[in-house]
Amino acid sequence: MTDATVVLDPTAERSPAERARLARPPSLDGRTVGLLDISKPRGDVFLDRLEALLADRGVSVQRYRKPTFTRIAPTELKQQISDECDVVVEGLAD
């Protein structure tokens, strides 16, 4: 036996998709932050607190929620977030 770790990709991709990271904005002034709850238990608790902290700084916040954490966000939801927000935070929890 070897001590090697094997990581399996559960998707059907033959090769991983690669995208360059977008640059972070220099500040959140005048920007809208989207908070996406993926529908896992207690994710809303994290996002509620984050929303309060952002609101205290005068940042505009929009909230969104996926129908279920077991599937990717619907295309319509992703498009809405893209149209309405400059920055997005996705809340994961359990």
N, C-alpha and C. Protein backbone atom coordinates (compact mmCIF):
# COMPACT_ATOMS: atom_id res chain seq x y z
N MET A 1 0.83 -1.18 0.00
CA MET A 1 0.00 0.00 0.00
C MET A 1 0.88 1.25 0.00
N THR A 2 0.32 2.32 -0.58
CA THR A 2 1.04 3.59 -0.60
C THR A 2 0.33 4.59 0.30
N ASP A 3 1.02 5.66 0.62
CA ASP A 3 0.44 6.72 1.43
C ASP A 3 -0.16 7.82 0.56
N ALA A 4 -0.26 7.61 -0.73
CA ALA A 4 -0.78 8.62 -1.65
C ALA A 4 -2.26 8.85 -1.41
N THR A 5 -2.68 10.09 -1.53
CA THR A 5 -4.08 10.46 -1.43
C THR A 5 -4.64 10.62 -2.83
N VAL A 6 -5.77 10.00 -3.09
CA VAL A 6 -6.42 10.10 -4.38
C VAL A 6 -7.70 10.90 -4.19
N VAL A 7 -7.85 11.97 -4.97
CA VAL A 7 -9.05 12.79 -4.92
C VAL A 7 -9.82 12.54 -6.21
N LEU A 8 -11.07 12.15 -6.07
CA LEU A 8 -11.90 11.86 -7.23
C LEU A 8 -12.85 13.01 -7.49
N ASP A 9 -13.01 13.39 -8.75
CA ASP A 9 -13.92 14.44 -9.16
C ASP A 9 -15.28 13.79 -9.46
N PRO A 10 -16.33 14.16 -8.72
CA PRO A 10 -17.63 13.51 -8.93
C PRO A 10 -18.38 14.02 -10.16
N THR A 11 -17.83 14.98 -10.88
CA THR A 11 -18.48 15.48 -12.08
C THR A 11 -18.04 14.67 -13.29
N ALA A 12 -18.68 14.92 -14.41
CA ALA A 12 -18.36 14.20 -15.64
C ALA A 12 -17.33 14.94 -16.48
N GLU A 13 -16.67 15.93 -15.91
CA GLU A 13 -15.70 16.70 -16.68
C GLU A 13 -14.48 15.85 -17.01
N ARG A 14 -14.00 15.97 -18.23
CA ARG A 14 -12.78 15.28 -18.64
C ARG A 14 -11.55 16.06 -18.19
N SER A 15 -11.69 17.38 -18.18
CA SER A 15 -10.61 18.23 -17.67
C SER A 15 -11.26 19.38 -16.91
N PRO A 16 -10.64 19.82 -15.85
CA PRO A 16 -11.26 20.87 -15.04
C PRO A 16 -11.35 22.20 -15.79
N ALA A 17 -12.45 22.90 -15.57
CA ALA A 17 -12.61 24.23 -16.15
C ALA A 17 -11.76 25.20 -15.35
N GLU A 18 -11.09 26.07 -16.04
CA GLU A 18 -10.24 27.06 -15.36
C GLU A 18 -10.65 28.45 -15.78
N ARG A 19 -10.77 29.32 -14.79
CA ARG A 19 -11.06 30.72 -15.05
C ARG A 19 -10.17 31.57 -14.16
N ALA A 20 -9.74 32.67 -14.70
CA ALA A 20 -8.94 33.60 -13.89
C ALA A 20 -9.85 34.26 -12.85
N ARG A 21 -9.30 34.50 -11.66
CA ARG A 21 -10.06 35.19 -10.63
C ARG A 21 -10.25 36.65 -11.02
N LEU A 22 -11.42 37.16 -10.71
CA LEU A 22 -11.66 38.59 -10.92
C LEU A 22 -10.99 39.37 -9.81
N ALA A 23 -10.53 40.55 -10.14
CA ALA A 23 -9.90 41.40 -9.14
C ALA A 23 -10.95 41.87 -8.13
N ARG A 24 -10.56 41.94 -6.87
CA ARG A 24 -11.46 42.47 -5.84
C ARG A 24 -11.59 43.97 -6.03
N PRO A 25 -12.79 44.50 -5.75
CA PRO A 25 -12.92 45.96 -5.84
C PRO A 25 -12.11 46.62 -4.72
N PRO A 26 -11.62 47.82 -4.96
CA PRO A 26 -10.83 48.49 -3.93
C PRO A 26 -11.64 48.82 -2.68
N SER A 27 -12.95 49.00 -2.83
CA SER A 27 -13.82 49.22 -1.67
C SER A 27 -15.24 48.81 -2.05
N LEU A 28 -16.13 48.82 -1.07
CA LEU A 28 -17.53 48.49 -1.32
C LEU A 28 -18.39 49.74 -1.43
N ASP A 29 -17.77 50.90 -1.35
CA ASP A 29 -18.51 52.16 -1.47
C ASP A 29 -19.25 52.22 -2.80
N GLY A 30 -20.56 52.45 -2.73
CA GLY A 30 -21.37 52.58 -3.94
C GLY A 30 -21.67 51.27 -4.64
N ARG A 31 -21.29 50.17 -4.05
CA ARG A 31 -21.52 48.85 -4.67
C ARG A 31 -22.63 48.11 -3.93
N THR A 32 -23.23 47.16 -4.63
CA THR A 32 -24.25 46.31 -4.03
C THR A 32 -23.65 44.93 -3.81
N VAL A 33 -23.79 44.43 -2.58
CA VAL A 33 -23.28 43.11 -2.22
C VAL A 33 -24.45 42.14 -2.19
N GLY A 34 -24.34 41.06 -2.92
CA GLY A 34 -25.35 40.01 -2.90
C GLY A 34 -24.95 38.94 -1.89
N LEU A 35 -25.90 38.51 -1.09
CA LEU A 35 -25.66 37.44 -0.13
C LEU A 35 -26.51 36.25 -0.55
N LEU A 36 -25.84 35.17 -0.95
CA LEU A 36 -26.52 33.97 -1.45
C LEU A 36 -26.51 32.89 -0.40
N ASP A 37 -27.70 32.55 0.08
CA ASP A 37 -27.89 31.45 1.02
C ASP A 37 -28.11 30.19 0.20
N ILE A 38 -27.27 29.18 0.38
CA ILE A 38 -27.42 27.97 -0.44
C ILE A 38 -28.42 26.99 0.15
N SER A 39 -29.11 27.37 1.21
CA SER A 39 -30.18 26.57 1.83
C SER A 39 -29.67 25.45 2.72
N LYS A 40 -28.45 25.57 3.23
CA LYS A 40 -27.98 24.62 4.23
C LYS A 40 -28.37 25.16 5.60
N PRO A 41 -28.56 24.28 6.56
CA PRO A 41 -28.94 24.73 7.90
C PRO A 41 -27.95 25.74 8.47
N ARG A 42 -28.47 26.81 9.01
CA ARG A 42 -27.76 27.88 9.70
C ARG A 42 -26.95 28.80 8.80
N GLY A 43 -27.01 28.60 7.49
CA GLY A 43 -26.36 29.53 6.58
C GLY A 43 -26.94 30.92 6.72
N ASP A 44 -28.24 30.98 6.98
CA ASP A 44 -28.90 32.27 7.14
C ASP A 44 -28.40 33.02 8.38
N VAL A 45 -27.98 32.30 9.41
CA VAL A 45 -27.45 32.93 10.62
C VAL A 45 -26.18 33.71 10.28
N PHE A 46 -25.29 33.08 9.55
CA PHE A 46 -24.06 33.74 9.11
C PHE A 46 -24.37 34.95 8.25
N LEU A 47 -25.28 34.77 7.27
CA LEU A 47 -25.58 35.86 6.35
C LEU A 47 -26.33 36.99 7.04
N ASP A 48 -27.17 36.68 8.02
CA ASP A 48 -27.86 37.73 8.79
C ASP A 48 -26.83 38.63 9.48
N ARG A 49 -25.83 38.01 10.08
CA ARG A 49 -24.79 38.78 10.78
C ARG A 49 -23.96 39.60 9.80
N LEU A 50 -23.61 38.99 8.68
CA LEU A 50 -22.84 39.69 7.67
C LEU A 50 -23.63 40.87 7.11
N GLU A 51 -24.92 40.67 6.87
CA GLU A 51 -25.77 41.76 6.38
C GLU A 51 -25.79 42.92 7.38
N ALA A 52 -25.90 42.62 8.67
CA ALA A 52 -25.91 43.67 9.69
C ALA A 52 -24.59 44.44 9.69
N LEU A 53 -23.47 43.72 9.59
CA LEU A 53 -22.16 44.38 9.57
C LEU A 53 -22.00 45.28 8.34
N LEU A 54 -22.46 44.80 7.20
CA LEU A 54 -22.38 45.60 5.98
C LEU A 54 -23.29 46.82 6.06
N ALA A 55 -24.50 46.61 6.58
CA ALA A 55 -25.45 47.73 6.71
C ALA A 55 -24.88 48.80 7.64
N ASP A 56 -24.20 48.40 8.71
CA ASP A 56 -23.57 49.36 9.62
C ASP A 56 -22.54 50.23 8.90
N ARG A 57 -21.98 49.72 7.83
CA ARG A 57 -20.99 50.48 7.04
C ARG A 57 -21.63 51.20 5.86
N GLY A 58 -22.96 51.11 5.76
CA GLY A 58 -23.67 51.81 4.69
C GLY A 58 -23.64 51.11 3.35
N VAL A 59 -23.33 49.81 3.35
CA VAL A 59 -23.24 49.05 2.10
C VAL A 59 -24.63 48.52 1.74
N SER A 60 -24.99 48.65 0.48
CA SER A 60 -26.27 48.13 -0.03
C SER A 60 -26.18 46.61 -0.17
N VAL A 61 -27.18 45.91 0.35
CA VAL A 61 -27.17 44.44 0.36
C VAL A 61 -28.46 43.91 -0.26
N GLN A 62 -28.32 42.87 -1.07
CA GLN A 62 -29.45 42.12 -1.62
C GLN A 62 -29.32 40.68 -1.15
N ARG A 63 -30.44 40.06 -0.75
CA ARG A 63 -30.41 38.67 -0.28
C ARG A 63 -31.03 37.75 -1.33
N TYR A 64 -30.45 36.55 -1.46
CA TYR A 64 -30.93 35.54 -2.39
C TYR A 64 -30.84 34.18 -1.71
N ARG A 65 -31.62 33.23 -2.20
CA ARG A 65 -31.61 31.89 -1.62
C ARG A 65 -31.81 30.86 -2.73
N LYS A 66 -30.94 29.85 -2.73
CA LYS A 66 -31.12 28.74 -3.67
C LYS A 66 -32.27 27.87 -3.17
N PRO A 67 -32.99 27.22 -4.08
CA PRO A 67 -34.08 26.33 -3.65
C PRO A 67 -33.58 25.15 -2.81
N THR A 68 -32.39 24.65 -3.12
CA THR A 68 -31.84 23.51 -2.39
C THR A 68 -30.32 23.53 -2.52
N PHE A 69 -29.63 23.05 -1.49
CA PHE A 69 -28.17 23.01 -1.56
C PHE A 69 -27.67 21.85 -2.39
N THR A 70 -28.54 20.92 -2.75
CA THR A 70 -28.11 19.73 -3.47
C THR A 70 -27.92 19.95 -4.97
N ARG A 71 -28.30 21.11 -5.46
CA ARG A 71 -28.16 21.40 -6.88
C ARG A 71 -27.55 22.79 -7.07
N ILE A 72 -26.99 23.01 -8.24
CA ILE A 72 -26.45 24.34 -8.53
C ILE A 72 -27.60 25.34 -8.59
N ALA A 73 -27.26 26.61 -8.42
CA ALA A 73 -28.28 27.65 -8.48
C ALA A 73 -28.90 27.69 -9.88
N PRO A 74 -30.21 27.89 -9.95
CA PRO A 74 -30.86 28.00 -11.26
C PRO A 74 -30.27 29.14 -12.08
N THR A 75 -30.22 28.97 -13.37
CA THR A 75 -29.66 29.98 -14.26
C THR A 75 -30.32 31.34 -14.06
N GLU A 76 -31.64 31.35 -13.88
CA GLU A 76 -32.37 32.61 -13.70
C GLU A 76 -31.89 33.34 -12.44
N LEU A 77 -31.63 32.59 -11.37
CA LEU A 77 -31.16 33.19 -10.12
C LEU A 77 -29.75 33.75 -10.31
N LYS A 78 -28.89 32.99 -10.96
CA LYS A 78 -27.52 33.47 -11.21
C LYS A 78 -27.54 34.73 -12.06
N GLN A 79 -28.41 34.78 -13.05
CA GLN A 79 -28.51 35.96 -13.92
C GLN A 79 -29.02 37.16 -13.12
N GLN A 80 -30.01 36.94 -12.27
CA GLN A 80 -30.55 38.02 -11.44
C GLN A 80 -29.47 38.59 -10.53
N ILE A 81 -28.72 37.72 -9.88
CA ILE A 81 -27.64 38.17 -9.00
C ILE A 81 -26.60 38.96 -9.80
N SER A 82 -26.25 38.47 -10.96
CA SER A 82 -25.27 39.14 -11.82
C SER A 82 -25.75 40.52 -12.24
N ASP A 83 -27.04 40.65 -12.52
CA ASP A 83 -27.61 41.92 -12.95
C ASP A 83 -27.71 42.93 -11.80
N GLU A 84 -27.95 42.44 -10.59
CA GLU A 84 -28.27 43.32 -9.46
C GLU A 84 -27.10 43.59 -8.52
N CYS A 85 -26.01 42.84 -8.62
CA CYS A 85 -24.93 42.95 -7.63
C CYS A 85 -23.56 43.15 -8.26
N ASP A 86 -22.69 43.77 -7.48
CA ASP A 86 -21.31 43.97 -7.90
C ASP A 86 -20.39 42.91 -7.28
N VAL A 87 -20.76 42.44 -6.09
CA VAL A 87 -19.97 41.48 -5.33
C VAL A 87 -20.93 40.48 -4.71
N VAL A 88 -20.52 39.21 -4.61
CA VAL A 88 -21.40 38.18 -4.04
C VAL A 88 -20.65 37.40 -2.97
N VAL A 89 -21.35 37.13 -1.87
CA VAL A 89 -20.86 36.24 -0.82
C VAL A 89 -21.82 35.07 -0.76
N GLU A 90 -21.27 33.87 -0.85
CA GLU A 90 -22.09 32.65 -0.79
C GLU A 90 -21.92 32.06 0.58
N GLY A 91 -23.04 31.91 1.32
CA GLY A 91 -22.98 31.42 2.69
C GLY A 91 -23.14 29.92 2.77
N LEU A 92 -22.13 29.26 3.33
CA LEU A 92 -22.15 27.82 3.55
C LEU A 92 -22.17 27.57 5.04
N ALA A 93 -22.94 26.61 5.49
CA ALA A 93 -22.96 26.29 6.93
C ALA A 93 -23.58 24.94 7.15
N ASP A 94 -23.45 24.47 8.34
CA ASP A 94 -24.09 23.23 8.82
C ASP A 94 -24.10 23.27 10.33
